[in-house]
Amino acid sequence: MIDRPLRSWGFLKSFLAGFLCLLLSPSVFALAVPERPEGRVTDRTGTLTRDQIQALEKKLSAFEKETTNQIAVLMIPSLEGDSLEEFSIRLAEKWKIGQKGRNNGVILLIVKNDRKLRIEVGYGLEGALPDALAGTIIRNEIAPRFKEGQFFQGIETGVNAIISATKGEYRAGPRKKESPMGLWFPLLILGAFIFFFELARSRARRRYYHSGSSRGWHSGGGFFGGGPFLGGSGGWSSGGDSFSGGGGDFGGGGASGNW
């Protein structure tokens, strides 16, 4: 009589545990990866114009014909809570940019509303485009333009840098120089501090000499006694010619960033 309820309770606990595991599994909330498009540039946010996408497509197509390396660009609105890196590697595994055996593909993923981006690099290009260099391209070339709302310019500059890197020709530009005010401001603050300090001490000394006090410069209020410091009190892809090759493998190489 007692065994049956116990068995039922054990089954219920097992069922609830399995249900919770399924509910909390990352795959349940994973953002669906879109099917591989025919073109190399896909904008699902409606940010880029058709002419801009075709210009990028032409550049990437010419690069592929010259080197067999493939670069794809995907722009989506949001990850909807998914991880940037996990979505990016699932995208790479599904799209398989790059040629089989060469693994010479690169994906530039932009998540516009989340203000995140990633360069995913295939096995075969990790030597020419290591993680550190991919990160430099994001920080120096892409992110500054995205901050200004110049998405086409950021993508175009980023693509140019990726192409140059795969050819061993990319050199990071000099860091943006700090404005003269940014360099001199701390010195101005320090100078003002010294000036007012000396002024307070000079006034205190004058009081000391006139009053004959033996309490030094603090006798007149000076630095802490009411002196000068304290006062007194949408989307579509390019179409174009389809990808050649296909079948490239990725192992998580690349870099992520934001703007």
C-alpha atoms as a PDB file:
ATOM      1  CA  MET A   1       0.000   0.000   0.000  1.00  0.00           C
ATOM      2  CA  ILE A   2       2.893   2.357   0.735  1.00  0.00           C
ATOM      3  CA  ASP A   3       5.148   1.336  -2.156  1.00  0.00           C
ATOM      4  CA  ARG A   4       2.850   2.621  -4.891  1.00  0.00           C
ATOM      5  CA  PRO A   5       2.709   6.270  -3.688  1.00  0.00           C
ATOM      6  CA  LEU A   6       6.471   6.206  -3.166  1.00  0.00           C
ATOM      7  CA  ARG A   7       7.037   4.929  -6.684  1.00  0.00           C
ATOM      8  CA  SER A   8       4.635   7.570  -8.030  1.00  0.00           C
ATOM      9  CA  TRP A   9       6.471  10.311  -6.107  1.00  0.00           C
ATOM     10  CA  GLY A  10       9.821   9.086  -7.394  1.00  0.00           C
ATOM     11  CA  PHE A  11       8.535   9.142 -10.972  1.00  0.00           C
ATOM     12  CA  LEU A  12       7.145  12.646 -10.471  1.00  0.00           C
ATOM     13  CA  LYS A  13      10.480  13.921  -9.116  1.00  0.00           C
ATOM     14  CA  SER A  14      12.358  12.366 -12.047  1.00  0.00           C
ATOM     15  CA  PHE A  15       9.897  13.901 -14.494  1.00  0.00           C
ATOM     16  CA  LEU A  16      10.183  17.364 -12.910  1.00  0.00           C
ATOM     17  CA  ALA A  17      13.988  17.161 -12.825  1.00  0.00           C
ATOM     18  CA  GLY A  18      14.109  16.208 -16.490  1.00  0.00           C
ATOM     19  CA  PHE A  19      11.655  18.957 -17.393  1.00  0.00           C
ATOM     20  CA  LEU A  20      13.707  21.574 -15.553  1.00  0.00           C
ATOM     21  CA  CYS A  21      16.897  20.417 -17.249  1.00  0.00           C
ATOM     22  CA  LEU A  22      15.195  20.729 -20.607  1.00  0.00           C
ATOM     23  CA  LEU A  23      13.748  24.114 -19.702  1.00  0.00           C
ATOM     24  CA  LEU A  24      17.083  25.483 -18.516  1.00  0.00           C
ATOM     25  CA  SER A  25      19.093  24.034 -21.372  1.00  0.00           C
ATOM     26  CA  PRO A  26      20.742  26.795 -23.477  1.00  0.00           C
ATOM     27  CA  SER A  27      19.608  25.093 -26.664  1.00  0.00           C
ATOM     28  CA  VAL A  28      15.971  25.768 -25.772  1.00  0.00           C
ATOM     29  CA  PHE A  29      16.570  29.531 -25.943  1.00  0.00           C
ATOM     30  CA  ALA A  30      19.186  29.446 -28.715  1.00  0.00           C
ATOM     31  CA  LEU A  31      18.521  31.818 -31.591  1.00  0.00           C
ATOM     32  CA  ALA A  32      17.846  29.993 -34.841  1.00  0.00           C
ATOM     33  CA  VAL A  33      20.671  30.247 -37.365  1.00  0.00           C
ATOM     34  CA  PRO A  34      19.449  31.446 -40.780  1.00  0.00           C
ATOM     35  CA  GLU A  35      19.984  29.343 -43.852  1.00  0.00           C
ATOM     36  CA  ARG A  36      23.074  30.045 -45.887  1.00  0.00           C
ATOM     37  CA  PRO A  37      22.267  32.763 -48.437  1.00  0.00           C
ATOM     38  CA  GLU A  38      23.401  32.862 -52.019  1.00  0.00           C
ATOM     39  CA  GLY A  39      25.288  36.115 -51.529  1.00  0.00           C
ATOM     40  CA  ARG A  40      28.150  37.026 -49.251  1.00  0.00           C
ATOM     41  CA  VAL A  41      26.456  39.991 -47.541  1.00  0.00           C
ATOM     42  CA  THR A  42      23.179  39.607 -45.670  1.00  0.00           C
ATOM     43  CA  ASP A  43      21.485  42.490 -43.876  1.00  0.00           C
ATOM     44  CA  ARG A  44      18.438  41.499 -41.803  1.00  0.00           C
ATOM     45  CA  THR A  45      18.131  44.962 -40.243  1.00  0.00           C
ATOM     46  CA  GLY A  46      17.439  47.090 -43.317  1.00  0.00           C
ATOM     47  CA  THR A  47      20.437  49.282 -42.519  1.00  0.00           C
ATOM     48  CA  LEU A  48      22.399  48.965 -45.747  1.00  0.00           C
ATOM     49  CA  THR A  49      21.120  50.084 -49.124  1.00  0.00           C
ATOM     50  CA  ARG A  50      21.040  47.746 -52.085  1.00  0.00           C
ATOM     51  CA  ASP A  51      23.898  49.656 -53.724  1.00  0.00           C
ATOM     52  CA  GLN A  52      26.026  49.368 -50.582  1.00  0.00           C
ATOM     53  CA  ILE A  53      25.458  45.635 -50.348  1.00  0.00           C
ATOM     54  CA  GLN A  54      26.272  45.160 -54.023  1.00  0.00           C
ATOM     55  CA  ALA A  55      29.490  47.167 -53.591  1.00  0.00           C
ATOM     56  CA  LEU A  56      30.554  44.907 -50.723  1.00  0.00           C
ATOM     57  CA  GLU A  57      29.536  41.826 -52.647  1.00  0.00           C
ATOM     58  CA  LYS A  58      31.639  42.887 -55.627  1.00  0.00           C
ATOM     59  CA  LYS A  59      34.679  43.428 -53.402  1.00  0.00           C
ATOM     60  CA  LEU A  60      34.313  40.054 -51.650  1.00  0.00           C
ATOM     61  CA  SER A  61      33.675  38.208 -54.892  1.00  0.00           C
ATOM     62  CA  ALA A  62      36.842  39.649 -56.448  1.00  0.00           C
ATOM     63  CA  PHE A  63      38.811  38.728 -53.315  1.00  0.00           C
ATOM     64  CA  GLU A  64      37.543  35.148 -53.461  1.00  0.00           C
ATOM     65  CA  LYS A  65      38.452  34.793 -57.130  1.00  0.00           C
ATOM     66  CA  GLU A  66      41.933  36.109 -56.399  1.00  0.00           C
ATOM     67  CA  THR A  67      42.726  34.042 -53.299  1.00  0.00           C
ATOM     68  CA  THR A  68      39.947  31.401 -52.882  1.00  0.00           C
ATOM     69  CA  ASN A  69      39.430  32.842 -49.367  1.00  0.00           C
ATOM     70  CA  GLN A  70      35.821  33.577 -48.499  1.00  0.00           C
ATOM     71  CA  ILE A  71      34.393  36.345 -46.326  1.00  0.00           C
ATOM     72  CA  ALA A  72      30.717  36.533 -45.401  1.00  0.00           C
ATOM     73  CA  VAL A  73      28.929  39.382 -43.612  1.00  0.00           C
ATOM     74  CA  LEU A  74      25.750  38.936 -41.586  1.00  0.00           C
ATOM     75  CA  MET A  75      23.909  41.781 -39.875  1.00  0.00           C
ATOM     76  CA  ILE A  76      21.035  40.872 -37.526  1.00  0.00           C
ATOM     77  CA  PRO A  77      18.916  42.981 -35.153  1.00  0.00           C
ATOM     78  CA  SER A  78      19.410  41.074 -31.879  1.00  0.00           C
ATOM     79  CA  LEU A  79      20.648  37.853 -30.316  1.00  0.00           C
ATOM     80  CA  GLU A  80      17.450  37.700 -28.234  1.00  0.00           C
ATOM     81  CA  GLY A  81      19.412  36.699 -25.152  1.00  0.00           C
ATOM     82  CA  ASP A  82      21.685  34.209 -26.891  1.00  0.00           C
ATOM     83  CA  SER A  83      25.466  34.268 -26.499  1.00  0.00           C
ATOM     84  CA  LEU A  84      27.362  36.093 -29.244  1.00  0.00           C
ATOM     85  CA  GLU A  85      30.161  33.513 -29.365  1.00  0.00           C
ATOM     86  CA  GLU A  86      27.813  30.507 -29.295  1.00  0.00           C
ATOM     87  CA  PHE A  87      25.599  31.895 -32.027  1.00  0.00           C
ATOM     88  CA  SER A  88      28.620  32.823 -34.116  1.00  0.00           C
ATOM     89  CA  ILE A  89      30.156  29.347 -34.000  1.00  0.00           C
ATOM     90  CA  ARG A  90      26.778  27.726 -34.783  1.00  0.00           C
ATOM     91  CA  LEU A  91      26.519  30.101 -37.737  1.00  0.00           C
ATOM     92  CA  ALA A  92      30.010  29.125 -38.901  1.00  0.00           C
ATOM     93  CA  GLU A  93      29.268  25.420 -38.559  1.00  0.00           C
ATOM     94  CA  LYS A  94      26.048  25.753 -40.555  1.00  0.00           C
ATOM     95  CA  TRP A  95      27.268  28.080 -43.287  1.00  0.00           C
ATOM     96  CA  LYS A  96      30.721  26.452 -43.621  1.00  0.00           C
ATOM     97  CA  ILE A  97      32.309  29.483 -45.236  1.00  0.00           C
ATOM     98  CA  GLY A  98      35.624  28.628 -46.904  1.00  0.00           C
ATOM     99  CA  GLN A  99      36.734  25.710 -48.997  1.00  0.00           C
ATOM    100  CA  LYS A 100      36.815  22.186 -47.663  1.00  0.00           C
ATOM    101  CA  GLY A 101      40.363  21.224 -46.731  1.00  0.00           C
ATOM    102  CA  ARG A 102      41.518  24.838 -46.811  1.00  0.00           C
ATOM    103  CA  ASN A 103      39.145  26.085 -44.086  1.00  0.00           C
ATOM    104  CA  ASN A 104      39.802  29.590 -45.379  1.00  0.00           C
ATOM    105  CA  GLY A 105      36.621  31.374 -44.356  1.00  0.00           C
ATOM    106  CA  VAL A 106      35.865  34.443 -42.253  1.00  0.00           C
ATOM    107  CA  ILE A 107      32.492  35.664 -40.969  1.00  0.00           C
ATOM    108  CA  LEU A 108      31.849  39.226 -39.855  1.00  0.00           C
ATOM    109  CA  LEU A 109      28.782  39.106 -37.594  1.00  0.00           C
ATOM    110  CA  ILE A 110      27.113  42.366 -36.534  1.00  0.00           C
ATOM    111  CA  VAL A 111      24.275  42.491 -33.981  1.00  0.00           C
ATOM    112  CA  LYS A 112      22.986  46.016 -34.405  1.00  0.00           C
ATOM    113  CA  ASN A 113      20.552  46.503 -31.514  1.00  0.00           C
ATOM    114  CA  ASP A 114      22.830  44.703 -29.035  1.00  0.00           C
ATOM    115  CA  ARG A 115      25.804  46.766 -30.260  1.00  0.00           C
ATOM    116  CA  LYS A 116      27.964  43.656 -30.530  1.00  0.00           C
ATOM    117  CA  LEU A 117      30.081  42.201 -33.297  1.00  0.00           C
ATOM    118  CA  ARG A 118      32.430  39.318 -33.890  1.00  0.00           C
ATOM    119  CA  ILE A 119      34.986  38.202 -36.456  1.00  0.00           C
ATOM    120  CA  GLU A 120      34.882  34.392 -36.702  1.00  0.00           C
ATOM    121  CA  VAL A 121      37.981  32.918 -38.338  1.00  0.00           C
ATOM    122  CA  GLY A 122      38.341  29.511 -39.991  1.00  0.00           C
ATOM    123  CA  TYR A 123      41.160  27.131 -39.075  1.00  0.00           C
ATOM    124  CA  GLY A 124      43.101  27.850 -42.233  1.00  0.00           C
ATOM    125  CA  LEU A 125      43.308  31.620 -41.668  1.00  0.00           C
ATOM    126  CA  GLU A 126      44.059  31.670 -37.935  1.00  0.00           C
ATOM    127  CA  GLY A 127      47.756  32.139 -38.681  1.00  0.00           C
ATOM    128  CA  ALA A 128      47.183  35.196 -40.875  1.00  0.00           C
ATOM    129  CA  LEU A 129      44.307  36.536 -38.781  1.00  0.00           C
ATOM    130  CA  PRO A 130      44.979  35.590 -35.121  1.00  0.00           C
ATOM    131  CA  ASP A 131      42.638  36.548 -32.317  1.00  0.00           C
ATOM    132  CA  ALA A 132      44.654  39.609 -31.270  1.00  0.00           C
ATOM    133  CA  LEU A 133      44.707  41.028 -34.792  1.00  0.00           C
ATOM    134  CA  ALA A 134      40.985  40.389 -35.244  1.00  0.00           C
ATOM    135  CA  GLY A 135      40.401  42.296 -32.012  1.00  0.00           C
ATOM    136  CA  THR A 136      42.549  45.174 -33.242  1.00  0.00           C
ATOM    137  CA  ILE A 137      40.510  45.396 -36.441  1.00  0.00           C
ATOM    138  CA  ILE A 138      37.305  45.565 -34.410  1.00  0.00           C
ATOM    139  CA  ARG A 139      38.614  48.257 -32.066  1.00  0.00           C
ATOM    140  CA  ASN A 140      40.496  50.399 -34.598  1.00  0.00           C
ATOM    141  CA  GLU A 141      38.555  50.027 -37.820  1.00  0.00           C
ATOM    142  CA  ILE A 142      34.951  48.966 -37.191  1.00  0.00           C
ATOM    143  CA  ALA A 143      33.780  50.083 -33.744  1.00  0.00           C
ATOM    144  CA  PRO A 144      34.730  53.793 -34.092  1.00  0.00           C
ATOM    145  CA  ARG A 145      32.642  54.091 -37.267  1.00  0.00           C
ATOM    146  CA  PHE A 146      29.722  52.166 -35.798  1.00  0.00           C
ATOM    147  CA  LYS A 147      29.720  54.593 -32.863  1.00  0.00           C
ATOM    148  CA  GLU A 148      29.143  57.380 -35.380  1.00  0.00           C
ATOM    149  CA  GLY A 149      26.307  55.445 -37.020  1.00  0.00           C
ATOM    150  CA  GLN A 150      28.422  54.821 -40.149  1.00  0.00           C
ATOM    151  CA  PHE A 151      27.614  51.145 -40.569  1.00  0.00           C
ATOM    152  CA  PHE A 152      28.499  50.778 -44.223  1.00  0.00           C
ATOM    153  CA  GLN A 153      31.802  52.586 -43.721  1.00  0.00           C
ATOM    154  CA  GLY A 154      32.575  50.425 -40.681  1.00  0.00           C
ATOM    155  CA  ILE A 155      31.842  47.199 -42.531  1.00  0.00           C
ATOM    156  CA  GLU A 156      33.757  48.294 -45.622  1.00  0.00           C
ATOM    157  CA  THR A 157      36.794  49.348 -43.580  1.00  0.00           C
ATOM    158  CA  GLY A 158      36.635  46.155 -41.541  1.00  0.00           C
ATOM    159  CA  VAL A 159      36.419  44.008 -44.662  1.00  0.00           C
ATOM    160  CA  ASN A 160      39.375  45.855 -46.199  1.00  0.00           C
ATOM    161  CA  ALA A 161      41.403  45.238 -43.026  1.00  0.00           C
ATOM    162  CA  ILE A 162      40.481  41.532 -42.994  1.00  0.00           C
ATOM    163  CA  ILE A 163      41.494  41.198 -46.643  1.00  0.00           C
ATOM    164  CA  SER A 164      44.805  42.956 -45.959  1.00  0.00           C
ATOM    165  CA  ALA A 165      45.433  40.757 -42.915  1.00  0.00           C
ATOM    166  CA  THR A 166      44.946  37.547 -44.883  1.00  0.00           C
ATOM    167  CA  LYS A 167      47.552  38.841 -47.335  1.00  0.00           C
ATOM    168  CA  GLY A 168      49.944  39.814 -44.543  1.00  0.00           C
ATOM    169  CA  GLU A 169      49.577  43.485 -45.429  1.00  0.00           C
ATOM    170  CA  TYR A 170      47.481  44.898 -42.576  1.00  0.00           C
ATOM    171  CA  ARG A 171      49.150  47.353 -40.256  1.00  0.00           C
ATOM    172  CA  ALA A 172      47.173  48.847 -37.400  1.00  0.00           C
ATOM    173  CA  GLY A 173      46.958  52.611 -37.694  1.00  0.00           C
ATOM    174  CA  PRO A 174      48.213  54.870 -34.910  1.00  0.00           C
ATOM    175  CA  ARG A 175      45.955  55.276 -31.937  1.00  0.00           C
ATOM    176  CA  LYS A 176      43.772  58.331 -31.922  1.00  0.00           C
ATOM    177  CA  LYS A 177      45.751  61.144 -30.339  1.00  0.00           C
ATOM    178  CA  GLU A 178      44.368  62.650 -27.201  1.00  0.00           C
ATOM    179  CA  SER A 179      43.244  66.236 -27.530  1.00  0.00           C
ATOM    180  CA  PRO A 180      45.565  68.945 -26.158  1.00  0.00           C
ATOM    181  CA  MET A 181      42.993  69.737 -23.467  1.00  0.00           C
ATOM    182  CA  GLY A 182      43.003  66.080 -22.423  1.00  0.00           C
ATOM    183  CA  LEU A 183      46.792  66.197 -22.029  1.00  0.00           C
ATOM    184  CA  TRP A 184      46.979  69.541 -20.223  1.00  0.00           C
ATOM    185  CA  PHE A 185      43.889  69.329 -18.035  1.00  0.00           C
ATOM    186  CA  PRO A 186      45.519  67.339 -15.178  1.00  0.00           C
ATOM    187  CA  LEU A 187      48.479  69.739 -15.195  1.00  0.00           C
ATOM    188  CA  LEU A 188      46.131  72.721 -15.046  1.00  0.00           C
ATOM    189  CA  ILE A 189      44.341  71.236 -12.056  1.00  0.00           C
ATOM    190  CA  LEU A 190      47.648  70.562 -10.316  1.00  0.00           C
ATOM    191  CA  GLY A 191      48.880  74.074 -11.096  1.00  0.00           C
ATOM    192  CA  ALA A 192      45.667  75.630  -9.734  1.00  0.00           C
ATOM    193  CA  PHE A 193      45.979  73.533  -6.590  1.00  0.00           C
ATOM    194  CA  ILE A 194      49.576  74.689  -5.998  1.00  0.00           C
ATOM    195  CA  PHE A 195      48.681  78.308  -6.743  1.00  0.00           C
ATOM    196  CA  PHE A 196      45.805  78.441  -4.249  1.00  0.00           C
ATOM    197  CA  PHE A 197      47.829  76.500  -1.696  1.00  0.00           C
ATOM    198  CA  GLU A 198      50.688  78.992  -1.913  1.00  0.00           C
ATOM    199  CA  LEU A 199      48.237  81.899  -1.859  1.00  0.00           C
ATOM    200  CA  ALA A 200      46.620  80.577   1.331  1.00  0.00           C
ATOM    201  CA  ARG A 201      49.994  80.002   2.939  1.00  0.00           C
ATOM    202  CA  SER A 202      51.182  83.485   1.952  1.00  0.00           C
ATOM    203  CA  ARG A 203      48.111  85.093   3.501  1.00  0.00           C
ATOM    204  CA  ALA A 204      48.539  83.049   6.644  1.00  0.00           C
ATOM    205  CA  ARG A 205      52.161  84.116   6.937  1.00  0.00           C
ATOM    206  CA  ARG A 206      51.181  87.760   6.632  1.00  0.00           C
ATOM    207  CA  ARG A 207      48.659  87.313   9.427  1.00  0.00           C
ATOM    208  CA  TYR A 208      51.346  85.553  11.472  1.00  0.00           C
ATOM    209  CA  TYR A 209      53.843  88.364  11.089  1.00  0.00           C
ATOM    210  CA  HIS A 210      51.286  91.073  11.806  1.00  0.00           C
ATOM    211  CA  SER A 211      49.783  89.363  14.847  1.00  0.00           C
ATOM    212  CA  GLY A 212      52.995  87.966  16.269  1.00  0.00           C
ATOM    213  CA  SER A 213      51.283  84.623  16.768  1.00  0.00           C
ATOM    214  CA  SER A 214      53.405  81.572  17.478  1.00  0.00           C
ATOM    215  CA  ARG A 215      50.943  79.105  15.920  1.00  0.00           C
ATOM    216  CA  GLY A 216      52.327  79.306  12.426  1.00  0.00           C
ATOM    217  CA  TRP A 217      50.282  79.696   9.244  1.00  0.00           C
ATOM    218  CA  HIS A 218      47.281  77.780  10.579  1.00  0.00           C
ATOM    219  CA  SER A 219      46.492  80.671  12.951  1.00  0.00           C
ATOM    220  CA  GLY A 220      44.655  82.696  10.351  1.00  0.00           C
ATOM    221  CA  GLY A 221      42.346  79.931   9.197  1.00  0.00           C
ATOM    222  CA  GLY A 222      44.627  79.128   6.254  1.00  0.00           C
ATOM    223  CA  PHE A 223      44.085  75.894   4.309  1.00  0.00           C
ATOM    224  CA  PHE A 224      41.280  74.285   6.326  1.00  0.00           C
ATOM    225  CA  GLY A 225      39.989  77.219   8.312  1.00  0.00           C
ATOM    226  CA  GLY A 226      37.778  79.025   5.835  1.00  0.00           C
ATOM    227  CA  GLY A 227      40.542  79.866   3.386  1.00  0.00           C
ATOM    228  CA  PRO A 228      40.302  80.034  -0.416  1.00  0.00           C
ATOM    229  CA  PHE A 229      39.391  76.338  -0.894  1.00  0.00           C
ATOM    230  CA  LEU A 230      36.384  76.018   1.375  1.00  0.00           C
ATOM    231  CA  GLY A 231      35.081  79.552   1.353  1.00  0.00           C
ATOM    232  CA  GLY A 232      33.451  80.521   4.627  1.00  0.00           C
ATOM    233  CA  SER A 233      30.948  78.128   6.084  1.00  0.00           C
ATOM    234  CA  GLY A 234      15.248  45.090 -42.192  1.00  0.00           C
ATOM    235  CA  GLY A 235      16.795  42.550 -44.172  1.00  0.00           C
ATOM    236  CA  TRP A 236      17.913  40.852 -47.455  1.00  0.00           C
ATOM    237  CA  SER A 237      21.038  39.466 -49.055  1.00  0.00           C
ATOM    238  CA  SER A 238      22.912  40.645 -52.062  1.00  0.00           C
ATOM    239  CA  GLY A 239      22.208  37.766 -54.383  1.00  0.00           C
ATOM    240  CA  GLY A 240      25.038  38.093 -56.870  1.00  0.00           C
ATOM    241  CA  ASP A 241      27.057  35.070 -57.848  1.00  0.00           C
ATOM    242  CA  SER A 242      26.759  32.197 -55.357  1.00  0.00           C
ATOM    243  CA  PHE A 243      29.528  31.006 -53.072  1.00  0.00           C
ATOM    244  CA  SER A 244      32.090  28.720 -54.563  1.00  0.00           C
ATOM    245  CA  GLY A 245      33.638  25.974 -52.504  1.00  0.00           C
ATOM    246  CA  GLY A 246      31.991  25.533 -49.127  1.00  0.00           C
ATOM    247  CA  GLY A 247      32.766  23.089 -46.336  1.00  0.00           C
ATOM    248  CA  GLY A 248      35.223  25.155 -44.320  1.00  0.00           C
ATOM    249  CA  ASP A 249      35.679  24.318 -40.633  1.00  0.00           C
ATOM    250  CA  PHE A 250      35.890  26.698 -37.673  1.00  0.00           C
ATOM    251  CA  GLY A 251      37.258  26.166 -34.202  1.00  0.00           C
ATOM    252  CA  GLY A 252      36.231  29.325 -32.367  1.00  0.00           C
ATOM    253  CA  GLY A 253      39.142  31.508 -33.481  1.00  0.00           C
ATOM    254  CA  GLY A 254      38.492  35.206 -33.802  1.00  0.00           C
ATOM    255  CA  ALA A 255      37.467  38.102 -31.582  1.00  0.00           C
ATOM    256  CA  SER A 256      34.383  39.827 -30.216  1.00  0.00           C
ATOM    257  CA  GLY A 257      33.724  43.473 -29.472  1.00  0.00           C
ATOM    258  CA  ASN A 258      31.105  46.169 -29.044  1.00  0.00           C
ATOM    259  CA  TRP A 259      30.605  49.827 -29.725  1.00  0.00           C
END
